[in-house]
C-alpha atoms as a PDB file:
ATOM      1  CA  MET A   1       0.317  -0.008  -0.264  1.00  0.00           C
ATOM      2  CA  THR A   2       2.923   2.376   1.112  1.00  0.00           C
ATOM      3  CA  ARG A   3       5.069   1.215  -1.932  1.00  0.00           C
ATOM      4  CA  GLY A   4       1.615   1.886  -4.382  1.00  0.00           C
ATOM      5  CA  SER A   5       1.460   5.752  -2.913  1.00  0.00           C
ATOM      6  CA  SER A   6       5.465   6.185  -3.246  1.00  0.00           C
ATOM      7  CA  THR A   7       4.645   5.052  -6.940  1.00  0.00           C
ATOM      8  CA  ALA A   8       1.665   7.216  -7.486  1.00  0.00           C
ATOM      9  CA  ASP A   9       3.293   9.936  -5.709  1.00  0.00           C
ATOM     10  CA  GLY A  10       6.544   9.941  -7.876  1.00  0.00           C
ATOM     11  CA  MET A  11       4.183   9.788 -11.210  1.00  0.00           C
ATOM     12  CA  THR A  12       2.039  12.415  -9.861  1.00  0.00           C
ATOM     13  CA  SER A  13       5.573  14.304  -9.738  1.00  0.00           C
ATOM     14  CA  ALA A  14       6.751  13.252 -12.926  1.00  0.00           C
ATOM     15  CA  THR A  15       3.551  14.255 -14.520  1.00  0.00           C
ATOM     16  CA  THR A  16       3.552  17.954 -12.679  1.00  0.00           C
ATOM     17  CA  ASP A  17       6.971  18.571 -13.701  1.00  0.00           C
ATOM     18  CA  ALA A  18       6.144  17.535 -17.143  1.00  0.00           C
ATOM     19  CA  GLU A  19       3.220  19.701 -17.115  1.00  0.00           C
ATOM     20  CA  ALA A  20       5.154  22.365 -16.171  1.00  0.00           C
ATOM     21  CA  LEU A  21       8.079  22.320 -19.360  1.00  0.00           C
ATOM     22  CA  HIS A  22       5.221  21.921 -21.446  1.00  0.00           C
ATOM     23  CA  GLU A  23       3.349  25.243 -20.618  1.00  0.00           C
ATOM     24  CA  LEU A  24       7.064  26.612 -19.731  1.00  0.00           C
ATOM     25  CA  VAL A  25       7.626  26.271 -23.031  1.00  0.00           C
ATOM     26  CA  SER A  26       4.399  27.412 -24.838  1.00  0.00           C
ATOM     27  CA  GLU A  27       4.542  30.352 -23.187  1.00  0.00           C
ATOM     28  CA  VAL A  28       8.208  31.001 -24.558  1.00  0.00           C
ATOM     29  CA  GLN A  29       7.063  30.268 -27.854  1.00  0.00           C
ATOM     30  CA  ARG A  30       3.745  32.668 -27.530  1.00  0.00           C
ATOM     31  CA  GLY A  31       6.947  35.397 -26.520  1.00  0.00           C
ATOM     32  CA  SER A  32       6.640  35.482 -23.196  1.00  0.00           C
ATOM     33  CA  ARG A  33       9.780  37.238 -21.953  1.00  0.00           C
ATOM     34  CA  PRO A  34       9.738  36.303 -18.565  1.00  0.00           C
ATOM     35  CA  ALA A  35       9.170  32.533 -19.353  1.00  0.00           C
ATOM     36  CA  ALA A  36      12.349  33.032 -22.030  1.00  0.00           C
ATOM     37  CA  ASP A  37      14.447  34.296 -18.843  1.00  0.00           C
ATOM     38  CA  ALA A  38      13.062  31.363 -16.456  1.00  0.00           C
ATOM     39  CA  LEU A  39      14.483  28.936 -18.909  1.00  0.00           C
ATOM     40  CA  VAL A  40      17.622  30.236 -19.975  1.00  0.00           C
ATOM     41  CA  ARG A  41      18.148  30.080 -15.866  1.00  0.00           C
ATOM     42  CA  GLU A  42      17.170  26.830 -15.694  1.00  0.00           C
ATOM     43  CA  HIS A  43      19.473  25.707 -18.815  1.00  0.00           C
ATOM     44  CA  ASP A  44      22.165  28.386 -19.089  1.00  0.00           C
ATOM     45  CA  THR A  45      24.568  26.214 -16.869  1.00  0.00           C
ATOM     46  CA  TRP A  46      25.088  22.881 -18.113  1.00  0.00           C
ATOM     47  CA  VAL A  47      24.362  24.203 -22.044  1.00  0.00           C
ATOM     48  CA  ARG A  48      28.119  25.985 -21.185  1.00  0.00           C
ATOM     49  CA  SER A  49      29.482  23.039 -19.329  1.00  0.00           C
ATOM     50  CA  VAL A  50      28.638  21.148 -22.700  1.00  0.00           C
ATOM     51  CA  ILE A  51      30.351  23.910 -24.872  1.00  0.00           C
ATOM     52  CA  TYR A  52      33.383  23.743 -22.595  1.00  0.00           C
ATOM     53  CA  GLY A  53      33.074  20.049 -22.585  1.00  0.00           C
ATOM     54  CA  VAL A  54      33.249  20.094 -26.538  1.00  0.00           C
ATOM     55  CA  THR A  55      35.655  22.506 -27.098  1.00  0.00           C
ATOM     56  CA  GLY A  56      37.557  22.455 -24.071  1.00  0.00           C
ATOM     57  CA  ARG A  57      38.118  26.586 -24.055  1.00  0.00           C
ATOM     58  CA  THR A  58      36.829  28.358 -21.418  1.00  0.00           C
ATOM     59  CA  ASP A  59      37.701  32.119 -23.614  1.00  0.00           C
ATOM     60  CA  LEU A  60      34.689  30.801 -25.712  1.00  0.00           C
ATOM     61  CA  VAL A  61      32.046  30.188 -23.437  1.00  0.00           C
ATOM     62  CA  ASP A  62      30.469  33.049 -23.810  1.00  0.00           C
ATOM     63  CA  ASP A  63      30.171  33.982 -26.958  1.00  0.00           C
ATOM     64  CA  ILE A  64      28.905  30.268 -28.226  1.00  0.00           C
ATOM     65  CA  ALA A  65      26.703  30.144 -25.419  1.00  0.00           C
ATOM     66  CA  GLN A  66      24.977  33.247 -26.891  1.00  0.00           C
ATOM     67  CA  GLN A  67      24.672  31.647 -30.248  1.00  0.00           C
ATOM     68  CA  VAL A  68      23.109  28.793 -29.073  1.00  0.00           C
ATOM     69  CA  TRP A  69      20.564  30.960 -27.030  1.00  0.00           C
ATOM     70  CA  THR A  70      19.906  32.703 -30.180  1.00  0.00           C
ATOM     71  CA  ARG A  71      19.559  29.931 -32.710  1.00  0.00           C
ATOM     72  CA  ALA A  72      17.143  27.871 -29.789  1.00  0.00           C
ATOM     73  CA  TRP A  73      15.063  31.412 -30.133  1.00  0.00           C
ATOM     74  CA  GLN A  74      15.140  31.040 -33.441  1.00  0.00           C
ATOM     75  CA  ARG A  75      13.912  27.482 -33.947  1.00  0.00           C
ATOM     76  CA  LEU A  76      12.049  27.281 -31.026  1.00  0.00           C
ATOM     77  CA  ASP A  77       8.864  26.505 -33.033  1.00  0.00           C
ATOM     78  CA  SER A  78      10.104  23.515 -34.655  1.00  0.00           C
ATOM     79  CA  LEU A  79      10.361  21.657 -30.891  1.00  0.00           C
ATOM     80  CA  LYS A  80       6.874  20.134 -31.202  1.00  0.00           C
ATOM     81  CA  ASP A  81       7.487  17.896 -27.950  1.00  0.00           C
ATOM     82  CA  PRO A  82       8.762  20.234 -24.775  1.00  0.00           C
ATOM     83  CA  GLN A  83       9.613  16.888 -23.376  1.00  0.00           C
ATOM     84  CA  ARG A  84      12.724  16.684 -25.705  1.00  0.00           C
ATOM     85  CA  LEU A  85      13.418  20.090 -24.773  1.00  0.00           C
ATOM     86  CA  ARG A  86      17.115  18.953 -23.470  1.00  0.00           C
ATOM     87  CA  SER A  87      18.315  16.934 -26.180  1.00  0.00           C
ATOM     88  CA  TRP A  88      17.191  19.551 -28.453  1.00  0.00           C
ATOM     89  CA  LEU A  89      19.454  22.253 -26.770  1.00  0.00           C
ATOM     90  CA  TYR A  90      21.917  19.864 -26.467  1.00  0.00           C
ATOM     91  CA  ALA A  91      22.422  19.091 -30.261  1.00  0.00           C
ATOM     92  CA  ILE A  92      22.186  23.287 -31.017  1.00  0.00           C
ATOM     93  CA  ALA A  93      25.006  23.542 -28.587  1.00  0.00           C
ATOM     94  CA  ARG A  94      26.818  20.689 -29.093  1.00  0.00           C
ATOM     95  CA  ASN A  95      26.792  21.869 -33.139  1.00  0.00           C
ATOM     96  CA  ALA A  96      27.263  25.260 -32.307  1.00  0.00           C
ATOM     97  CA  ALA A  97      30.759  24.296 -30.400  1.00  0.00           C
ATOM     98  CA  VAL A  98      31.816  22.449 -33.131  1.00  0.00           C
ATOM     99  CA  ASP A  99      30.973  24.773 -35.823  1.00  0.00           C
ATOM    100  CA  ALA A 100      32.935  27.305 -33.828  1.00  0.00           C
ATOM    101  CA  GLY A 101      35.948  25.142 -35.544  1.00  0.00           C
ATOM    102  CA  GLN A 102      36.629  24.091 -31.738  1.00  0.00           C
ATOM    103  CA  ALA A 103      36.709  20.456 -31.641  1.00  0.00           C
ATOM    104  CA  ARG A 104      39.706  20.527 -34.251  1.00  0.00           C
ATOM    105  CA  LYS A 105      42.820  20.847 -32.495  1.00  0.00           C
ATOM    106  CA  ARG A 106      43.042  23.515 -29.653  1.00  0.00           C
ATOM    107  CA  GLN A 107      44.910  26.413 -28.724  1.00  0.00           C
ATOM    108  CA  PRO A 108      46.441  26.798 -25.072  1.00  0.00           C
ATOM    109  CA  ALA A 109      42.493  27.829 -23.547  1.00  0.00           C
ATOM    110  CA  LEU A 110      42.775  31.046 -21.827  1.00  0.00           C
ATOM    111  CA  GLY A 111      40.574  32.337 -18.291  1.00  0.00           C
ATOM    112  CA  LEU A 112      41.324  29.340 -16.371  1.00  0.00           C
ATOM    113  CA  ASP A 113      40.363  31.614 -13.283  1.00  0.00           C
ATOM    114  CA  ASP A 114      37.226  32.243 -14.763  1.00  0.00           C
ATOM    115  CA  LEU A 115      35.855  28.792 -15.446  1.00  0.00           C
ATOM    116  CA  ALA A 116      33.042  29.182 -12.520  1.00  0.00           C
ATOM    117  CA  GLY A 117      31.577  31.948 -14.324  1.00  0.00           C
ATOM    118  CA  HIS A 118      31.725  30.433 -18.147  1.00  0.00           C
ATOM    119  CA  VAL A 119      30.466  27.092 -16.928  1.00  0.00           C
ATOM    120  CA  GLY A 120      28.023  27.995 -14.443  1.00  0.00           C
ATOM    121  CA  ASP A 121      28.039  30.146 -10.676  1.00  0.00           C
ATOM    122  CA  GLY A 122      26.321  27.205  -8.924  1.00  0.00           C
ATOM    123  CA  ARG A 123      30.011  25.404  -8.840  1.00  0.00           C
ATOM    124  CA  ALA A 124      30.605  25.507  -4.690  1.00  0.00           C
ATOM    125  CA  ARG A 125      28.266  22.931  -4.136  1.00  0.00           C
ATOM    126  CA  ASN A 126      30.425  20.301  -6.092  1.00  0.00           C
ATOM    127  CA  PRO A 127      32.689  18.304  -3.660  1.00  0.00           C
ATOM    128  CA  LEU A 128      35.513  18.170  -6.077  1.00  0.00           C
ATOM    129  CA  ARG A 129      35.919  22.132  -6.667  1.00  0.00           C
ATOM    130  CA  ALA A 130      35.485  22.628  -3.049  1.00  0.00           C
ATOM    131  CA  ALA A 131      38.236  20.724  -2.187  1.00  0.00           C
ATOM    132  CA  LEU A 132      40.441  22.011  -4.874  1.00  0.00           C
ATOM    133  CA  GLY A 133      42.808  24.671  -3.877  1.00  0.00           C
ATOM    134  CA  ASP A 134      43.423  27.457  -6.475  1.00  0.00           C
ATOM    135  CA  GLU A 135      46.730  26.121  -8.036  1.00  0.00           C
ATOM    136  CA  LEU A 136      45.648  22.314  -7.746  1.00  0.00           C
ATOM    137  CA  ARG A 137      42.319  23.417 -10.151  1.00  0.00           C
ATOM    138  CA  ARG A 138      44.391  25.028 -12.633  1.00  0.00           C
ATOM    139  CA  THR A 139      46.572  22.384 -13.223  1.00  0.00           C
ATOM    140  CA  LEU A 140      43.636  19.811 -13.186  1.00  0.00           C
ATOM    141  CA  LEU A 141      41.892  22.157 -15.525  1.00  0.00           C
ATOM    142  CA  ARG A 142      44.631  22.840 -17.753  1.00  0.00           C
ATOM    143  CA  ALA A 143      44.589  18.391 -17.813  1.00  0.00           C
ATOM    144  CA  VAL A 144      40.868  18.557 -18.735  1.00  0.00           C
ATOM    145  CA  GLU A 145      41.444  20.989 -21.148  1.00  0.00           C
ATOM    146  CA  ALA A 146      44.064  17.912 -22.846  1.00  0.00           C
ATOM    147  CA  LEU A 147      41.697  15.339 -22.934  1.00  0.00           C
ATOM    148  CA  PRO A 148      40.347  14.231 -26.542  1.00  0.00           C
ATOM    149  CA  ALA A 149      36.437  15.560 -26.614  1.00  0.00           C
ATOM    150  CA  ILE A 150      34.867  12.003 -26.614  1.00  0.00           C
ATOM    151  CA  TYR A 151      36.407  12.190 -22.864  1.00  0.00           C
ATOM    152  CA  ARG A 152      36.271  15.282 -22.092  1.00  0.00           C
ATOM    153  CA  GLU A 153      32.394  16.060 -22.681  1.00  0.00           C
ATOM    154  CA  PRO A 154      31.250  13.510 -20.418  1.00  0.00           C
ATOM    155  CA  PHE A 155      33.803  14.045 -17.260  1.00  0.00           C
ATOM    156  CA  VAL A 156      32.429  17.842 -17.240  1.00  0.00           C
ATOM    157  CA  LEU A 157      28.771  16.440 -17.204  1.00  0.00           C
ATOM    158  CA  ARG A 158      29.624  13.920 -14.727  1.00  0.00           C
ATOM    159  CA  HIS A 159      32.473  16.018 -12.045  1.00  0.00           C
ATOM    160  CA  LEU A 160      31.556  19.797 -13.079  1.00  0.00           C
ATOM    161  CA  GLU A 161      27.606  19.048 -13.185  1.00  0.00           C
ATOM    162  CA  ASP A 162      27.133  16.129 -11.065  1.00  0.00           C
ATOM    163  CA  TRP A 163      25.124  14.232 -13.626  1.00  0.00           C
ATOM    164  CA  SER A 164      24.235  10.836 -13.644  1.00  0.00           C
ATOM    165  CA  TYR A 165      25.384   8.317 -15.480  1.00  0.00           C
ATOM    166  CA  ALA A 166      22.019   7.942 -16.994  1.00  0.00           C
ATOM    167  CA  ARG A 167      21.502  11.675 -17.672  1.00  0.00           C
ATOM    168  CA  ILE A 168      24.996  11.620 -19.601  1.00  0.00           C
ATOM    169  CA  GLY A 169      24.062   8.620 -21.581  1.00  0.00           C
ATOM    170  CA  GLU A 170      20.415   9.941 -22.478  1.00  0.00           C
ATOM    171  CA  LEU A 171      22.129  13.172 -23.850  1.00  0.00           C
ATOM    172  CA  LEU A 172      24.543  11.864 -25.724  1.00  0.00           C
ATOM    173  CA  SER A 173      22.853   9.027 -26.798  1.00  0.00           C
ATOM    174  CA  LEU A 174      24.840   6.583 -25.827  1.00  0.00           C
ATOM    175  CA  PRO A 175      24.536   3.135 -23.106  1.00  0.00           C
ATOM    176  CA  VAL A 176      25.273   3.561 -19.576  1.00  0.00           C
ATOM    177  CA  GLU A 177      28.216   1.174 -19.925  1.00  0.00           C
ATOM    178  CA  THR A 178      29.698   3.397 -23.013  1.00  0.00           C
ATOM    179  CA  VAL A 179      29.446   6.410 -20.541  1.00  0.00           C
ATOM    180  CA  GLU A 180      30.855   4.330 -17.093  1.00  0.00           C
ATOM    181  CA  THR A 181      33.804   3.090 -20.139  1.00  0.00           C
ATOM    182  CA  ARG A 182      34.478   6.654 -20.909  1.00  0.00           C
ATOM    183  CA  LEU A 183      35.054   8.157 -17.721  1.00  0.00           C
ATOM    184  CA  VAL A 184      37.051   5.511 -16.603  1.00  0.00           C
ATOM    185  CA  ARG A 185      39.743   6.513 -19.500  1.00  0.00           C
ATOM    186  CA  ALA A 186      39.044  10.126 -19.042  1.00  0.00           C
ATOM    187  CA  ARG A 187      40.287   9.410 -15.174  1.00  0.00           C
ATOM    188  CA  ARG A 188      42.834   7.419 -16.432  1.00  0.00           C
ATOM    189  CA  LEU A 189      44.422   9.877 -18.858  1.00  0.00           C
ATOM    190  CA  LEU A 190      43.983  12.773 -16.107  1.00  0.00           C
ATOM    191  CA  ARG A 191      46.048  10.028 -13.250  1.00  0.00           C
ATOM    192  CA  GLU A 192      48.826   9.926 -16.263  1.00  0.00           C
ATOM    193  CA  MET A 193      48.897  13.882 -17.253  1.00  0.00           C
ATOM    194  CA  LEU A 194      48.973  14.633 -13.325  1.00  0.00           C
ATOM    195  CA  ALA A 195      51.473  12.248 -12.466  1.00  0.00           C
ATOM    196  CA  GLY A 196      54.265  13.916 -10.638  1.00  0.00           C
ATOM    197  CA  LYS A 197      52.139  17.352 -10.824  1.00  0.00           C
ATOM    198  CA  VAL A 198      49.552  16.720  -8.130  1.00  0.00           C
ATOM    199  CA  GLU A 199      49.818  14.211  -5.020  1.00  0.00           C
ATOM    200  CA  PRO A 200      47.703  11.069  -5.035  1.00  0.00           C
END
Protein backbone atom coordinates (compact mmCIF):
# COMPACT_ATOMS: atom_id res chain seq x y z
CA MET A 1 0.00 0.00 0.00
CA THR A 2 2.76 2.39 1.02
CA ARG A 3 4.79 1.32 -1.99
CA GLY A 4 1.79 2.00 -4.24
CA SER A 5 1.41 5.45 -2.73
CA SER A 6 5.08 6.23 -3.34
CA THR A 7 4.78 5.14 -6.94
CA ALA A 8 1.66 7.25 -7.38
CA ASP A 9 3.39 10.23 -5.78
CA GLY A 10 6.37 9.76 -8.10
CA MET A 11 4.13 9.57 -11.15
CA THR A 12 2.20 12.65 -10.02
CA SER A 13 5.47 14.56 -9.53
CA ALA A 14 6.76 13.51 -12.96
CA THR A 15 3.45 14.47 -14.54
CA THR A 16 3.51 17.85 -12.80
CA ASP A 17 7.10 18.47 -13.99
CA ALA A 18 6.15 17.51 -17.55
CA GLU A 19 3.14 19.81 -17.48
CA ALA A 20 5.19 22.69 -16.06
CA LEU A 21 7.86 22.25 -18.75
CA HIS A 22 5.23 22.10 -21.48
CA GLU A 23 3.61 25.28 -20.19
CA LEU A 24 6.98 27.07 -19.89
CA VAL A 25 7.99 26.17 -23.45
CA SER A 26 4.55 27.15 -24.73
CA GLU A 27 4.82 30.54 -23.02
CA VAL A 28 8.25 31.12 -24.57
CA GLN A 29 6.89 30.14 -27.99
CA ARG A 30 4.12 32.73 -27.49
CA GLY A 31 6.77 35.39 -26.86
CA SER A 32 6.84 35.64 -23.05
CA ARG A 33 10.08 37.29 -21.96
CA PRO A 34 9.79 36.21 -18.28
CA ALA A 35 9.31 32.60 -19.43
CA ALA A 36 12.33 32.88 -21.75
CA ASP A 37 14.43 34.23 -18.87
CA ALA A 38 13.28 31.35 -16.67
CA LEU A 39 14.19 28.84 -19.36
CA VAL A 40 17.68 30.30 -19.70
CA ARG A 41 18.20 30.34 -15.91
CA GLU A 42 17.22 26.70 -15.69
CA HIS A 43 19.37 25.41 -18.57
CA ASP A 44 22.23 27.86 -19.16
CA THR A 45 24.65 26.26 -16.69
CA TRP A 46 24.67 22.81 -18.27
CA VAL A 47 24.55 24.26 -21.81
CA ARG A 48 27.78 26.10 -21.01
CA SER A 49 29.28 22.91 -19.62
CA VAL A 50 28.45 21.09 -22.86
CA ILE A 51 30.18 23.85 -24.82
CA TYR A 52 33.24 23.63 -22.57
CA GLY A 53 33.19 19.84 -22.78
CA VAL A 54 33.26 19.97 -26.58
CA THR A 55 35.73 22.82 -27.04
CA GLY A 56 37.96 22.68 -23.97
CA ARG A 57 38.13 26.47 -24.26
CA THR A 58 36.75 28.57 -21.40
CA ASP A 59 37.44 31.76 -23.33
CA LEU A 60 34.95 30.79 -26.05
CA VAL A 61 32.05 29.65 -23.87
CA ASP A 62 30.31 33.05 -23.56
CA ASP A 63 30.28 33.73 -27.31
CA ILE A 64 29.12 30.24 -28.23
CA ALA A 65 26.45 30.26 -25.50
CA GLN A 66 25.03 33.46 -26.99
CA GLN A 67 24.91 31.75 -30.39
CA VAL A 68 23.18 28.74 -28.84
CA TRP A 69 20.43 30.80 -27.24
CA THR A 70 19.98 32.88 -30.39
CA ARG A 71 19.57 29.70 -32.45
CA ALA A 72 17.27 28.23 -29.82
CA TRP A 73 14.91 31.23 -29.95
CA GLN A 74 14.94 31.21 -33.75
CA ARG A 75 14.08 27.51 -33.89
CA LEU A 76 11.89 27.08 -30.82
CA ASP A 77 8.71 26.80 -32.89
CA SER A 78 10.16 23.61 -34.38
CA LEU A 79 10.22 21.96 -30.94
CA LYS A 80 6.97 20.00 -30.99
CA ASP A 81 7.62 17.93 -27.86
CA PRO A 82 8.73 20.03 -24.86
CA GLN A 83 9.90 16.82 -23.13
CA ARG A 84 12.69 16.73 -25.75
CA LEU A 85 13.91 20.20 -24.75
CA ARG A 86 17.10 19.00 -23.07
CA SER A 87 18.25 16.81 -25.96
CA TRP A 88 17.16 19.50 -28.45
CA LEU A 89 19.21 22.16 -26.64
CA TYR A 90 22.13 19.75 -26.34
CA ALA A 91 22.17 19.23 -30.11
CA ILE A 92 22.17 22.99 -30.71
CA ALA A 93 24.94 23.57 -28.14
CA ARG A 94 27.13 20.76 -29.43
CA ASN A 95 26.68 21.77 -33.06
CA ALA A 96 27.45 25.40 -32.26
CA ALA A 97 30.64 24.37 -30.48
CA VAL A 98 31.72 22.14 -33.36
CA ASP A 99 30.79 24.85 -35.90
CA ALA A 100 33.08 27.23 -34.05
CA GLY A 101 35.92 24.97 -35.14
CA GLN A 102 36.91 23.97 -31.62
CA ALA A 103 36.63 20.22 -32.13
CA ARG A 104 39.84 20.56 -34.15
CA LYS A 105 43.30 20.76 -32.65
CA ARG A 106 43.02 23.38 -29.90
CA GLN A 107 45.12 26.33 -28.94
CA PRO A 108 45.95 26.70 -25.23
CA ALA A 109 42.85 27.72 -23.32
CA LEU A 110 42.58 31.11 -21.68
CA GLY A 111 40.88 32.34 -18.54
CA LEU A 112 41.06 29.28 -16.34
CA ASP A 113 40.47 31.44 -13.29
CA ASP A 114 37.09 32.36 -14.75
CA LEU A 115 35.91 28.80 -15.36
CA ALA A 116 33.14 29.04 -12.75
CA GLY A 117 31.75 32.11 -14.47
CA HIS A 118 31.89 30.45 -17.88
CA VAL A 119 30.38 27.07 -17.06
CA GLY A 120 28.03 28.15 -14.30
CA ASP A 121 27.84 29.88 -10.98
CA GLY A 122 26.53 26.95 -8.95
CA ARG A 123 29.80 25.14 -8.67
CA ALA A 124 30.35 25.71 -4.95
CA ARG A 125 28.06 22.75 -4.24
CA ASN A 126 30.42 20.41 -6.10
CA PRO A 127 32.70 18.57 -3.65
CA LEU A 128 35.45 18.23 -6.26
CA ARG A 129 35.73 21.97 -6.80
CA ALA A 130 35.23 22.82 -3.14
CA ALA A 131 38.13 20.57 -2.15
CA LEU A 132 40.57 21.97 -4.69
CA GLY A 133 42.77 24.96 -4.00
CA ASP A 134 43.30 27.52 -6.75
CA GLU A 135 46.62 26.13 -7.96
CA LEU A 136 45.48 22.53 -7.86
CA ARG A 137 42.26 23.43 -9.68
CA ARG A 138 44.19 25.26 -12.40
CA THR A 139 46.46 22.24 -12.88
CA LEU A 140 43.50 19.89 -13.06
CA LEU A 141 41.59 22.10 -15.51
CA ARG A 142 44.58 22.29 -17.82
CA ALA A 143 44.63 18.51 -17.85
CA VAL A 144 40.86 18.34 -18.47
CA GLU A 145 41.28 20.70 -21.43
CA ALA A 146 43.89 18.34 -22.90
CA LEU A 147 41.50 15.36 -22.85
CA PRO A 148 40.10 14.21 -26.21
CA ALA A 149 36.57 15.61 -26.62
CA ILE A 150 34.88 12.19 -26.41
CA TYR A 151 36.27 11.83 -22.87
CA ARG A 152 36.19 15.48 -21.83
CA GLU A 153 32.50 15.95 -22.58
CA PRO A 154 31.15 13.23 -20.24
CA PHE A 155 33.85 14.07 -17.66
CA VAL A 156 32.71 17.70 -17.47
CA LEU A 157 29.05 16.73 -17.19
CA ARG A 158 29.83 14.17 -14.48
CA HIS A 159 32.36 16.08 -12.38
CA LEU A 160 31.45 19.73 -12.95
CA GLU A 161 27.70 19.29 -13.34
CA ASP A 162 27.34 16.21 -11.09
CA TRP A 163 25.11 14.44 -13.60
CA SER A 164 24.31 10.74 -13.26
CA TYR A 165 25.65 8.22 -15.79
CA ALA A 166 22.07 7.64 -16.99
CA ARG A 167 21.45 11.33 -17.56
CA ILE A 168 24.74 11.73 -19.45
CA GLY A 169 23.96 8.66 -21.54
CA GLU A 170 20.53 10.00 -22.42
CA LEU A 171 21.93 13.35 -23.48
CA LEU A 172 24.85 11.92 -25.47
CA SER A 173 22.75 9.06 -26.91
CA LEU A 174 25.15 6.52 -25.41
CA PRO A 175 24.58 3.35 -23.38
CA VAL A 176 25.38 3.81 -19.69
CA GLU A 177 28.20 1.26 -20.08
CA THR A 178 29.84 3.43 -22.75
CA VAL A 179 29.55 6.50 -20.52
CA GLU A 180 31.18 4.54 -17.70
CA THR A 181 33.98 3.32 -19.99
CA ARG A 182 34.71 6.84 -21.24
CA LEU A 183 34.80 8.20 -17.71
CA VAL A 184 37.19 5.45 -16.63
CA ARG A 185 39.46 6.29 -19.57
CA ALA A 186 39.20 10.02 -18.85
CA ARG A 187 40.27 9.47 -15.25
CA ARG A 188 43.13 7.20 -16.35
CA LEU A 189 44.37 9.82 -18.82
CA LEU A 190 44.12 12.51 -16.16
CA ARG A 191 46.10 10.39 -13.70
CA GLU A 192 48.82 9.97 -16.33
CA MET A 193 48.89 13.68 -17.16
CA LEU A 194 48.93 14.69 -13.51
CA ALA A 195 51.53 12.15 -12.39
CA GLY A 196 54.18 13.99 -10.39
CA LYS A 197 52.20 17.24 -10.50
CA VAL A 198 49.49 16.44 -7.98
CA GLU A 199 49.79 14.52 -4.76
CA PRO A 200 47.76 11.28 -4.85
